[in-house]
Amino acid sequence: MAKTRIFDAAEYLDSPEMIAEYLTEALETDDDAFTAKAISTVARAQGMDAVAETAGVARTNLARSAAMPSRNSRRSARCSARSAFSW
C-alpha cells in the first residue's frame, strides 16, 4: 500500500512572491477563518517568532488571532501580515 503525507502549504511558501500570492488569494475570499488559517500557515513557513517580531506584535497574540478570528482582529491581522511579509 502506498504511503501518503498530509499536504502542508507551508512547505511551498518559500519566496516572498509565493507568500504574497497565497495571502492575496486568502484575503479575496472574504472568509475570516480561511484568512486566519492562511496567516497562520505563512507564519509557520517563516517561523512564528520572526513574523511576530517583524509585525511588532507578541507571538502569543499573533497565534491567538490566527486561531480565533473576529471581524476586529481581521483588519489588525491583515495590517500585521502586510507589514511582516513586506507586502
C-alpha atoms as a PDB file:
ATOM      1  CA  MET A   1       0.000   0.000   0.000  1.00  0.00           C
ATOM      2  CA  ALA A   2       1.286   3.457  -0.943  1.00  0.00           C
ATOM      3  CA  LYS A   3       2.120   5.838   1.860  1.00  0.00           C
ATOM      4  CA  THR A   4       0.863   9.388   1.624  1.00  0.00           C
ATOM      5  CA  ARG A   5       1.684  12.535   3.523  1.00  0.00           C
ATOM      6  CA  ILE A   6      -0.680  15.218   4.706  1.00  0.00           C
ATOM      7  CA  PHE A   7      -0.402  18.282   2.475  1.00  0.00           C
ATOM      8  CA  ASP A   8       1.149  21.292   4.190  1.00  0.00           C
ATOM      9  CA  ALA A   9       1.099  24.526   2.187  1.00  0.00           C
ATOM     10  CA  ALA A  10       3.826  25.949   4.454  1.00  0.00           C
ATOM     11  CA  GLU A  11       6.331  23.666   2.724  1.00  0.00           C
ATOM     12  CA  TYR A  12       5.750  25.509  -0.569  1.00  0.00           C
ATOM     13  CA  LEU A  13       5.760  29.095   0.689  1.00  0.00           C
ATOM     14  CA  ASP A  14       9.439  29.638   0.060  1.00  0.00           C
ATOM     15  CA  SER A  15       9.545  33.063  -1.573  1.00  0.00           C
ATOM     16  CA  PRO A  16       8.036  36.486  -0.941  1.00  0.00           C
ATOM     17  CA  GLU A  17       6.125  36.197  -4.224  1.00  0.00           C
ATOM     18  CA  MET A  18       4.526  32.870  -3.244  1.00  0.00           C
ATOM     19  CA  ILE A  19       3.590  34.244   0.164  1.00  0.00           C
ATOM     20  CA  ALA A  20       2.081  37.405  -1.314  1.00  0.00           C
ATOM     21  CA  GLU A  21       0.011  35.396  -3.810  1.00  0.00           C
ATOM     22  CA  TYR A  22      -1.145  32.973  -1.109  1.00  0.00           C
ATOM     23  CA  LEU A  23      -2.243  35.761   1.244  1.00  0.00           C
ATOM     24  CA  THR A  24      -3.856  37.753  -1.555  1.00  0.00           C
ATOM     25  CA  GLU A  25      -5.970  34.776  -2.541  1.00  0.00           C
ATOM     26  CA  ALA A  26      -6.933  34.154   1.081  1.00  0.00           C
ATOM     27  CA  LEU A  27      -7.936  37.781   1.663  1.00  0.00           C
ATOM     28  CA  GLU A  28     -10.002  37.837  -1.536  1.00  0.00           C
ATOM     29  CA  THR A  29     -12.198  35.012  -0.225  1.00  0.00           C
ATOM     30  CA  ASP A  30     -13.547  37.395   2.450  1.00  0.00           C
ATOM     31  CA  ASP A  31     -13.647  34.363   4.760  1.00  0.00           C
ATOM     32  CA  ASP A  32     -12.204  35.292   8.157  1.00  0.00           C
ATOM     33  CA  ALA A  33     -11.418  31.727   9.181  1.00  0.00           C
ATOM     34  CA  PHE A  34      -9.669  30.974   5.888  1.00  0.00           C
ATOM     35  CA  THR A  35      -7.660  34.209   6.068  1.00  0.00           C
ATOM     36  CA  ALA A  36      -6.610  33.445   9.639  1.00  0.00           C
ATOM     37  CA  LYS A  37      -5.539  29.939   8.596  1.00  0.00           C
ATOM     38  CA  ALA A  38      -3.511  31.381   5.716  1.00  0.00           C
ATOM     39  CA  ILE A  39      -1.733  33.842   8.014  1.00  0.00           C
ATOM     40  CA  SER A  40      -1.019  31.005  10.420  1.00  0.00           C
ATOM     41  CA  THR A  41       0.365  28.868   7.584  1.00  0.00           C
ATOM     42  CA  VAL A  42       2.661  31.658   6.422  1.00  0.00           C
ATOM     43  CA  ALA A  43       3.795  32.274   9.994  1.00  0.00           C
ATOM     44  CA  ARG A  44       4.689  28.578  10.302  1.00  0.00           C
ATOM     45  CA  ALA A  45       6.547  28.732   6.989  1.00  0.00           C
ATOM     46  CA  GLN A  46       8.636  31.695   8.101  1.00  0.00           C
ATOM     47  CA  GLY A  47       8.752  30.989  11.814  1.00  0.00           C
ATOM     48  CA  MET A  48       6.118  32.396  14.159  1.00  0.00           C
ATOM     49  CA  ASP A  49       8.666  34.272  16.280  1.00  0.00           C
ATOM     50  CA  ALA A  50      10.201  36.056  13.295  1.00  0.00           C
ATOM     51  CA  VAL A  51       6.802  37.055  11.896  1.00  0.00           C
ATOM     52  CA  ALA A  52       5.578  38.360  15.248  1.00  0.00           C
ATOM     53  CA  GLU A  53       8.754  40.380  15.765  1.00  0.00           C
ATOM     54  CA  THR A  54       8.604  41.894  12.280  1.00  0.00           C
ATOM     55  CA  ALA A  55       4.904  42.725  12.677  1.00  0.00           C
ATOM     56  CA  GLY A  56       5.541  44.268  16.079  1.00  0.00           C
ATOM     57  CA  VAL A  57       3.112  42.007  17.921  1.00  0.00           C
ATOM     58  CA  ALA A  58       3.582  39.420  20.628  1.00  0.00           C
ATOM     59  CA  ARG A  59       3.917  35.862  19.369  1.00  0.00           C
ATOM     60  CA  THR A  60       1.015  34.754  21.553  1.00  0.00           C
ATOM     61  CA  ASN A  61      -1.238  37.498  20.148  1.00  0.00           C
ATOM     62  CA  LEU A  62      -0.369  36.515  16.578  1.00  0.00           C
ATOM     63  CA  ALA A  63      -1.090  32.867  17.298  1.00  0.00           C
ATOM     64  CA  ARG A  64      -4.325  33.734  19.108  1.00  0.00           C
ATOM     65  CA  SER A  65      -5.629  35.970  16.319  1.00  0.00           C
ATOM     66  CA  ALA A  66      -4.856  33.246  13.788  1.00  0.00           C
ATOM     67  CA  ALA A  67      -6.665  30.653  15.859  1.00  0.00           C
ATOM     68  CA  MET A  68      -9.760  32.719  16.729  1.00  0.00           C
ATOM     69  CA  PRO A  69     -10.507  35.292  14.038  1.00  0.00           C
ATOM     70  CA  SER A  70     -13.063  38.019  14.520  1.00  0.00           C
ATOM     71  CA  ARG A  71     -14.097  40.979  12.416  1.00  0.00           C
ATOM     72  CA  ASN A  72     -11.989  43.350  14.536  1.00  0.00           C
ATOM     73  CA  SER A  73      -8.908  41.156  14.603  1.00  0.00           C
ATOM     74  CA  ARG A  74      -9.062  40.556  10.849  1.00  0.00           C
ATOM     75  CA  ARG A  75      -8.145  44.146   9.976  1.00  0.00           C
ATOM     76  CA  SER A  76      -5.340  44.114  12.529  1.00  0.00           C
ATOM     77  CA  ALA A  77      -4.076  40.746  11.311  1.00  0.00           C
ATOM     78  CA  ARG A  78      -4.200  41.919   7.702  1.00  0.00           C
ATOM     79  CA  CYS A  79      -2.150  45.020   8.514  1.00  0.00           C
ATOM     80  CA  SER A  80       0.304  42.988  10.553  1.00  0.00           C
ATOM     81  CA  ALA A  81       0.606  40.400   7.808  1.00  0.00           C
ATOM     82  CA  ARG A  82       1.292  43.016   5.155  1.00  0.00           C
ATOM     83  CA  SER A  83       3.896  44.636   7.377  1.00  0.00           C
ATOM     84  CA  ALA A  84       5.532  41.381   8.408  1.00  0.00           C
ATOM     85  CA  PHE A  85       5.676  39.935   4.920  1.00  0.00           C
ATOM     86  CA  SER A  86       6.783  43.198   3.266  1.00  0.00           C
ATOM     87  CA  TRP A  87       3.762  43.283   1.008  1.00  0.00           C
END
